């Protein structure tokens, strides 16, 4: 298997015979929102599976979290753009008997350019990481959650998915996919014990845009630690959409924030009616 795997035990535990801690898998954990999600999860007592191409940064993070919180960290140095990476992560979990309670799909990237002037390889790379990797990993881990009757899925998306934008056509399209898919999946998972939450940050909060966005967006972007904290709290409440801060409200959020899942529920009701009529 390509890539490296490392398990870093904690330097200390607060109890001599600690209870089993819930396990969270975080992708894209070496910078930005994902880095702070890992910190928030560790603070709240979760052990971690960290997935990123950057093994050195993950090792630094794992050592720090182990020293501060007693967090046990499993490190998988893989690039999720690769088609086999999600399967390798899944095999790693099965071989060690690890049950993921929280799947945080955070890895993603984007860039700004007119569509016809942009590099098609970068566009395809964006789709592979922002969409395909999320689908692959969730498709593998979700059935295990359903078997247990419990679990949480956190998809880091963006309010960019609520609108189109010149210079960011492909990026906004990938975020629109994440929002639509999260909403439909949450409806399918009702009454299963598994929840889905879409963390909708401002596109300007993303680490990969911080060097390029206009000064106004940079000045008003929320700190990633605040976004991560809001995402975790919303996940634990079972919220479908979490839109941190006030700058993203109400216009962007209003297009997607439907606490009763009205649109997806209506669609499901139509499908159920059609199936009943045909039987």
Foldseek 3Di string as FASTA:
>chain_A
DPFDKDKDFAPDDPDPDDDDAAEEEFEPCQDFLNVLLVVVCLVVGHAYEYEELDPVSVVVSQHVSSDPRRHIYIYTNDDLLDPCVLVVVLVVCVVVVHQHQEYELEDAAFFFDAPVPDDVVVLSSRCSRLPVSVVSNCVRRVVSCLVVLAHEYEYEAALLCLDADGRGRSNNVSRVVVLVVLLLVQLVCPPSRYAYAYQHAHPCSDPNCLVPDDPVSNVPHDGSNQSSVQRVVCRVVRAHYGYPDDVCDDVSVVSRRDRVSVVSVVVVVVVVVVVVVVD
